[in-house]
Amino acid sequence: MLKFGYMAMILFTIIGSFWLEVVLKIGVLRRVKRLVLSILPVSVFFLAWDAYAIAQGHWYFDKEQILGIFGPFDIPLEEFLFFTFIPIAAVMTIEAVRTVKKHWPVGDE
C-alpha cells in the first residue's frame, strides 16, 4: 500500500484541481506553450537541485513509497511528475480564481 505514497499525493492533486479545466473552462491546457514556459524553467532548476542533493547524499526518496522507476540522475519518476503536475494545479487554481473573480488583478493584464 505504501508503494504508491508519492503517486497517491500526485493523483490527489490532479483530481483536486483538473476538474477546474472542465467545469470553469479555464483553458490552461489549451495554452500549452504558455504553460510550458511557465513551468519548465523552475522545474529544470529544482530537478538540478534534486540531482545535486541526491548525489551528495543530502536528499533521498523512501524506497517503500516510490515505484522504483528512475530517470536521469537517479531522480524517481514521482519527482518528475511532481514538478509537472503541482505547478499545473497551481496555474489552474490561479486561472479559476480569475474566472470567478473577474476584477482580481494577477499582473499579466
Protein backbone atom coordinates (compact mmCIF):
# COMPACT_ATOMS: atom_id res chain seq x y z
CA MET A 1 0.00 0.00 0.00
CA LEU A 2 2.81 2.42 0.85
CA LYS A 3 4.41 1.70 -2.52
CA PHE A 4 2.18 4.33 -4.08
CA GLY A 5 2.60 7.03 -1.41
CA TYR A 6 4.03 9.76 -3.62
CA MET A 7 1.82 8.79 -6.57
CA ALA A 8 -1.27 8.97 -4.36
CA MET A 9 -0.43 12.55 -3.44
CA ILE A 10 0.07 13.48 -7.09
CA LEU A 11 -3.21 11.81 -8.09
CA PHE A 12 -4.99 13.62 -5.26
CA THR A 13 -3.67 16.92 -6.62
CA ILE A 14 -4.77 16.06 -10.16
CA ILE A 15 -8.26 15.07 -9.02
CA GLY A 16 -8.49 18.12 -6.78
CA SER A 17 -7.65 20.66 -9.46
CA PHE A 18 -8.08 19.36 -13.00
CA TRP A 19 -11.87 19.50 -12.73
CA LEU A 20 -11.46 23.29 -12.88
CA GLU A 21 -10.45 22.93 -16.53
CA VAL A 22 -13.75 21.25 -17.39
CA VAL A 23 -16.21 22.95 -15.05
CA LEU A 24 -14.93 26.54 -15.21
CA LYS A 25 -13.47 26.22 -18.73
CA ILE A 26 -10.27 28.00 -17.65
CA GLY A 27 -8.34 26.94 -20.76
CA VAL A 28 -4.98 26.26 -19.12
CA LEU A 29 -4.39 23.01 -21.01
CA ARG A 30 -5.26 24.66 -24.34
CA ARG A 31 -2.41 27.15 -23.90
CA VAL A 32 0.39 24.59 -23.89
CA LYS A 33 3.19 26.97 -24.90
CA ARG A 34 2.31 29.41 -22.11
CA LEU A 35 2.09 26.57 -19.59
CA VAL A 36 5.44 25.07 -20.62
CA LEU A 37 7.13 28.48 -20.50
CA SER A 38 5.71 28.98 -17.02
CA ILE A 39 6.72 25.62 -15.61
CA LEU A 40 9.85 24.44 -17.42
CA PRO A 41 12.46 26.94 -16.14
CA VAL A 42 11.53 26.42 -12.50
CA SER A 43 11.21 22.65 -12.87
CA VAL A 44 14.63 22.36 -14.50
CA PHE A 45 16.17 24.38 -11.67
CA PHE A 46 14.59 22.26 -8.95
CA LEU A 47 15.36 18.96 -10.72
CA ALA A 48 19.01 20.05 -10.96
CA TRP A 49 18.89 20.90 -7.27
CA ASP A 50 17.42 17.45 -6.52
CA ALA A 51 20.09 15.76 -8.64
CA TYR A 52 22.83 17.56 -6.73
CA ALA A 53 21.28 16.82 -3.33
CA ILE A 54 20.81 13.13 -4.21
CA ALA A 55 24.39 12.83 -5.49
CA GLN A 56 25.72 14.44 -2.30
CA GLY A 57 23.61 12.20 -0.07
CA HIS A 58 21.63 15.12 1.36
CA TRP A 59 18.31 14.03 -0.14
CA TYR A 60 16.73 10.66 -0.74
CA PHE A 61 13.37 9.10 -1.50
CA ASP A 62 11.82 6.40 0.65
CA LYS A 63 12.03 3.24 -1.46
CA GLU A 64 8.85 1.98 0.22
CA GLN A 65 6.85 4.89 -1.21
CA ILE A 66 8.10 5.08 -4.80
CA LEU A 67 7.53 2.84 -7.79
CA GLY A 68 11.25 2.27 -8.38
CA ILE A 69 11.33 3.86 -11.84
CA PHE A 70 14.22 6.29 -12.10
CA GLY A 71 15.04 8.92 -14.69
CA PRO A 72 18.25 10.81 -15.29
CA PHE A 73 20.48 11.50 -12.25
CA ASP A 74 18.67 8.84 -10.17
CA ILE A 75 15.60 11.02 -9.80
CA PRO A 76 12.43 8.94 -9.31
CA LEU A 77 9.53 9.19 -11.75
CA GLU A 78 7.35 10.62 -8.99
CA GLU A 79 9.64 13.64 -8.66
CA PHE A 80 9.39 14.42 -12.38
CA LEU A 81 5.62 14.09 -12.14
CA PHE A 82 5.60 16.30 -9.04
CA PHE A 83 7.39 19.11 -10.87
CA THR A 84 4.90 18.78 -13.73
CA PHE A 85 1.51 18.38 -12.09
CA ILE A 86 1.86 20.52 -8.96
CA PRO A 87 2.69 23.68 -10.96
CA ILE A 88 -0.11 22.90 -13.43
CA ALA A 89 -2.51 22.62 -10.49
CA ALA A 90 -1.27 25.97 -9.16
CA VAL A 91 -1.77 27.67 -12.53
CA MET A 92 -5.23 26.13 -12.80
CA THR A 93 -6.11 27.44 -9.35
CA ILE A 94 -4.99 30.96 -10.24
CA GLU A 95 -6.92 30.87 -13.51
CA ALA A 96 -10.01 29.52 -11.73
CA VAL A 97 -9.95 32.43 -9.29
CA ARG A 98 -9.52 34.85 -12.21
CA THR A 99 -12.53 33.27 -13.89
CA VAL A 100 -14.72 33.59 -10.82
CA LYS A 101 -13.35 36.97 -9.64
CA LYS A 102 -13.12 38.95 -12.89
CA HIS A 103 -11.82 42.06 -11.10
CA TRP A 104 -8.87 40.24 -9.46
CA PRO A 105 -5.59 41.55 -10.96
CA VAL A 106 -2.86 38.97 -11.41
CA GLY A 107 -0.23 41.05 -13.18
CA ASP A 108 -0.36 39.85 -16.78
CA GLU A 109 -3.24 42.09 -17.81
